Amino acid sequence: MDQQKILQAINQIMPFGKYAGRKLLLLPEPYLVWFHRKGFPQGKLGEQLALIYEVKLNGLESMLMPLLRDDA
């Protein structure tokens, strides 16, 4: 997996829904499980959500937390 794609995915902002404005890595796991069951959106966002789902499923979230950018 391309490191740049991982960095982009974990720092991507959720553009819609209940968690709009939250970085994908910080989305609650049940929300990602829901997407996994219902189907991820098409395109880049869907690919990023699927990647974050796999990260959380495999317990890698804490390893990636230091890579979150502070865009404040």
N, C-alpha and C. Protein backbone atom coordinates (compact mmCIF):
# COMPACT_ATOMS: atom_id res chain seq x y z
N MET A 1 0.85 -1.19 0.00
CA MET A 1 0.00 0.00 0.00
C MET A 1 0.89 1.24 0.00
N ASP A 2 0.53 2.18 -0.80
CA ASP A 2 1.26 3.43 -0.94
C ASP A 2 1.11 4.27 0.33
N GLN A 3 2.24 4.68 0.90
CA GLN A 3 2.23 5.47 2.14
C GLN A 3 1.44 6.77 1.97
N GLN A 4 1.57 7.39 0.81
CA GLN A 4 0.86 8.65 0.56
C GLN A 4 -0.65 8.45 0.60
N LYS A 5 -1.12 7.32 0.05
CA LYS A 5 -2.55 7.03 0.06
C LYS A 5 -3.06 6.83 1.49
N ILE A 6 -2.25 6.19 2.32
CA ILE A 6 -2.63 6.00 3.72
C ILE A 6 -2.71 7.34 4.43
N LEU A 7 -1.69 8.17 4.24
CA LEU A 7 -1.69 9.51 4.86
C LEU A 7 -2.90 10.32 4.43
N GLN A 8 -3.21 10.28 3.14
CA GLN A 8 -4.37 11.01 2.63
C GLN A 8 -5.66 10.48 3.24
N ALA A 9 -5.79 9.16 3.33
CA ALA A 9 -7.01 8.56 3.85
C ALA A 9 -7.23 8.90 5.32
N ILE A 10 -6.19 8.78 6.13
CA ILE A 10 -6.40 9.02 7.57
C ILE A 10 -6.67 10.49 7.86
N ASN A 11 -6.21 11.38 6.99
CA ASN A 11 -6.40 12.81 7.20
C ASN A 11 -7.56 13.40 6.39
N GLN A 12 -8.21 12.57 5.59
CA GLN A 12 -9.36 13.02 4.81
C GLN A 12 -10.51 13.39 5.74
N ILE A 13 -11.19 14.47 5.44
CA ILE A 13 -12.34 14.91 6.23
C ILE A 13 -13.60 14.28 5.65
N MET A 14 -14.44 13.73 6.52
CA MET A 14 -15.72 13.17 6.10
C MET A 14 -16.59 14.31 5.61
N PRO A 15 -17.03 14.29 4.34
CA PRO A 15 -17.73 15.44 3.77
C PRO A 15 -19.23 15.49 4.03
N PHE A 16 -19.82 14.42 4.55
CA PHE A 16 -21.27 14.41 4.72
C PHE A 16 -21.67 13.52 5.89
N GLY A 17 -22.94 13.60 6.23
CA GLY A 17 -23.50 12.71 7.24
C GLY A 17 -23.30 13.17 8.66
N LYS A 18 -23.61 12.28 9.56
CA LYS A 18 -23.57 12.55 10.99
C LYS A 18 -22.19 12.99 11.46
N TYR A 19 -21.14 12.47 10.83
CA TYR A 19 -19.77 12.76 11.24
C TYR A 19 -19.04 13.68 10.26
N ALA A 20 -19.78 14.49 9.53
CA ALA A 20 -19.19 15.45 8.61
C ALA A 20 -18.20 16.34 9.36
N GLY A 21 -17.04 16.56 8.78
CA GLY A 21 -16.03 17.41 9.39
C GLY A 21 -15.01 16.64 10.22
N ARG A 22 -15.24 15.35 10.44
CA ARG A 22 -14.32 14.53 11.23
C ARG A 22 -13.36 13.79 10.30
N LYS A 23 -12.11 13.67 10.72
CA LYS A 23 -11.15 12.91 9.92
C LYS A 23 -11.55 11.43 9.90
N LEU A 24 -11.30 10.79 8.77
CA LEU A 24 -11.75 9.41 8.60
C LEU A 24 -11.19 8.47 9.67
N LEU A 25 -9.95 8.65 10.08
CA LEU A 25 -9.38 7.78 11.10
C LEU A 25 -10.12 7.90 12.43
N LEU A 26 -10.78 9.04 12.65
CA LEU A 26 -11.47 9.29 13.91
C LEU A 26 -12.95 8.90 13.86
N LEU A 27 -13.39 8.36 12.74
CA LEU A 27 -14.78 7.89 12.65
C LEU A 27 -14.97 6.69 13.56
N PRO A 28 -16.14 6.58 14.20
CA PRO A 28 -16.41 5.42 15.05
C PRO A 28 -16.47 4.14 14.22
N GLU A 29 -15.95 3.07 14.78
CA GLU A 29 -15.94 1.79 14.07
C GLU A 29 -17.34 1.33 13.65
N PRO A 30 -18.36 1.47 14.51
CA PRO A 30 -19.71 1.03 14.07
C PRO A 30 -20.19 1.75 12.81
N TYR A 31 -19.80 3.00 12.63
CA TYR A 31 -20.17 3.76 11.43
C TYR A 31 -19.51 3.13 10.20
N LEU A 32 -18.26 2.74 10.33
CA LEU A 32 -17.56 2.10 9.22
C LEU A 32 -18.11 0.71 8.94
N VAL A 33 -18.51 -0.01 9.98
CA VAL A 33 -19.13 -1.32 9.81
C VAL A 33 -20.45 -1.17 9.05
N TRP A 34 -21.21 -0.13 9.38
CA TRP A 34 -22.46 0.15 8.67
C TRP A 34 -22.19 0.35 7.17
N PHE A 35 -21.19 1.17 6.85
CA PHE A 35 -20.82 1.38 5.45
C PHE A 35 -20.41 0.06 4.80
N HIS A 36 -19.65 -0.74 5.52
CA HIS A 36 -19.20 -2.03 4.98
C HIS A 36 -20.39 -2.91 4.62
N ARG A 37 -21.41 -2.89 5.45
CA ARG A 37 -22.61 -3.70 5.20
C ARG A 37 -23.48 -3.13 4.08
N LYS A 38 -23.63 -1.81 4.06
CA LYS A 38 -24.51 -1.15 3.09
C LYS A 38 -23.82 -0.86 1.76
N GLY A 39 -22.51 -0.77 1.79
CA GLY A 39 -21.73 -0.44 0.60
C GLY A 39 -21.08 0.92 0.74
N PHE A 40 -19.79 0.95 0.47
CA PHE A 40 -19.06 2.21 0.52
C PHE A 40 -19.43 3.05 -0.69
N PRO A 41 -19.35 4.38 -0.57
CA PRO A 41 -19.62 5.24 -1.72
C PRO A 41 -18.64 4.95 -2.86
N GLN A 42 -19.03 5.32 -4.05
CA GLN A 42 -18.16 5.15 -5.21
C GLN A 42 -17.00 6.15 -5.15
N GLY A 43 -15.92 5.83 -5.80
CA GLY A 43 -14.81 6.76 -5.96
C GLY A 43 -13.79 6.72 -4.84
N LYS A 44 -13.01 7.80 -4.81
CA LYS A 44 -11.89 7.89 -3.88
C LYS A 44 -12.33 7.82 -2.43
N LEU A 45 -13.41 8.52 -2.07
CA LEU A 45 -13.88 8.51 -0.68
C LEU A 45 -14.24 7.09 -0.25
N GLY A 46 -14.92 6.36 -1.11
CA GLY A 46 -15.28 4.99 -0.79
C GLY A 46 -14.07 4.11 -0.57
N GLU A 47 -13.05 4.29 -1.41
CA GLU A 47 -11.80 3.54 -1.25
C GLU A 47 -11.13 3.89 0.08
N GLN A 48 -11.15 5.18 0.43
CA GLN A 48 -10.54 5.61 1.68
C GLN A 48 -11.30 5.07 2.89
N LEU A 49 -12.62 5.09 2.83
CA LEU A 49 -13.42 4.55 3.93
C LEU A 49 -13.18 3.05 4.08
N ALA A 50 -13.06 2.33 2.97
CA ALA A 50 -12.79 0.89 3.02
C ALA A 50 -11.42 0.63 3.65
N LEU A 51 -10.44 1.48 3.32
CA LEU A 51 -9.11 1.34 3.90
C LEU A 51 -9.16 1.58 5.41
N ILE A 52 -9.85 2.61 5.84
CA ILE A 52 -9.95 2.91 7.27
C ILE A 52 -10.71 1.79 7.99
N TYR A 53 -11.71 1.22 7.35
CA TYR A 53 -12.42 0.07 7.91
C TYR A 53 -11.44 -1.07 8.18
N GLU A 54 -10.59 -1.37 7.21
CA GLU A 54 -9.60 -2.45 7.36
C GLU A 54 -8.59 -2.12 8.46
N VAL A 55 -8.18 -0.86 8.54
CA VAL A 55 -7.25 -0.43 9.59
C VAL A 55 -7.85 -0.72 10.96
N LYS A 56 -9.09 -0.31 11.15
CA LYS A 56 -9.73 -0.49 12.45
C LYS A 56 -10.02 -1.97 12.72
N LEU A 57 -10.43 -2.69 11.69
CA LEU A 57 -10.72 -4.12 11.83
C LEU A 57 -9.49 -4.89 12.31
N ASN A 58 -8.32 -4.45 11.85
CA ASN A 58 -7.07 -5.14 12.19
C ASN A 58 -6.33 -4.51 13.37
N GLY A 59 -6.97 -3.56 14.06
CA GLY A 59 -6.39 -2.98 15.27
C GLY A 59 -5.18 -2.11 15.04
N LEU A 60 -5.10 -1.45 13.89
CA LEU A 60 -3.93 -0.64 13.55
C LEU A 60 -4.15 0.86 13.79
N GLU A 61 -5.30 1.21 14.31
CA GLU A 61 -5.65 2.62 14.50
C GLU A 61 -4.63 3.37 15.35
N SER A 62 -4.24 2.79 16.48
CA SER A 62 -3.31 3.48 17.39
C SER A 62 -1.94 3.69 16.75
N MET A 63 -1.56 2.79 15.86
CA MET A 63 -0.27 2.91 15.17
C MET A 63 -0.28 4.11 14.21
N LEU A 64 -1.46 4.43 13.65
CA LEU A 64 -1.56 5.52 12.67
C LEU A 64 -1.91 6.86 13.30
N MET A 65 -2.36 6.88 14.53
CA MET A 65 -2.76 8.13 15.20
C MET A 65 -1.66 9.21 15.15
N PRO A 66 -0.38 8.86 15.34
CA PRO A 66 0.65 9.91 15.28
C PRO A 66 0.77 10.58 13.90
N LEU A 67 0.18 9.98 12.88
CA LEU A 67 0.29 10.53 11.53
C LEU A 67 -0.83 11.52 11.19
N LEU A 68 -1.78 11.69 12.12
CA LEU A 68 -2.83 12.68 11.91
C LEU A 68 -2.23 14.08 11.91
N ARG A 69 -2.63 14.87 10.93
CA ARG A 69 -2.16 16.26 10.86
C ARG A 69 -3.10 17.16 11.65
N ASP A 70 -2.53 18.14 12.28
CA ASP A 70 -3.33 19.14 12.99
C ASP A 70 -3.58 20.28 12.04
N ASP A 71 -4.74 20.28 11.39
CA ASP A 71 -5.05 21.29 10.39
C ASP A 71 -5.77 22.50 10.97
N ALA A 72 -5.61 22.70 12.25
CA ALA A 72 -6.34 23.79 12.91
C ALA A 72 -5.91 25.13 12.49
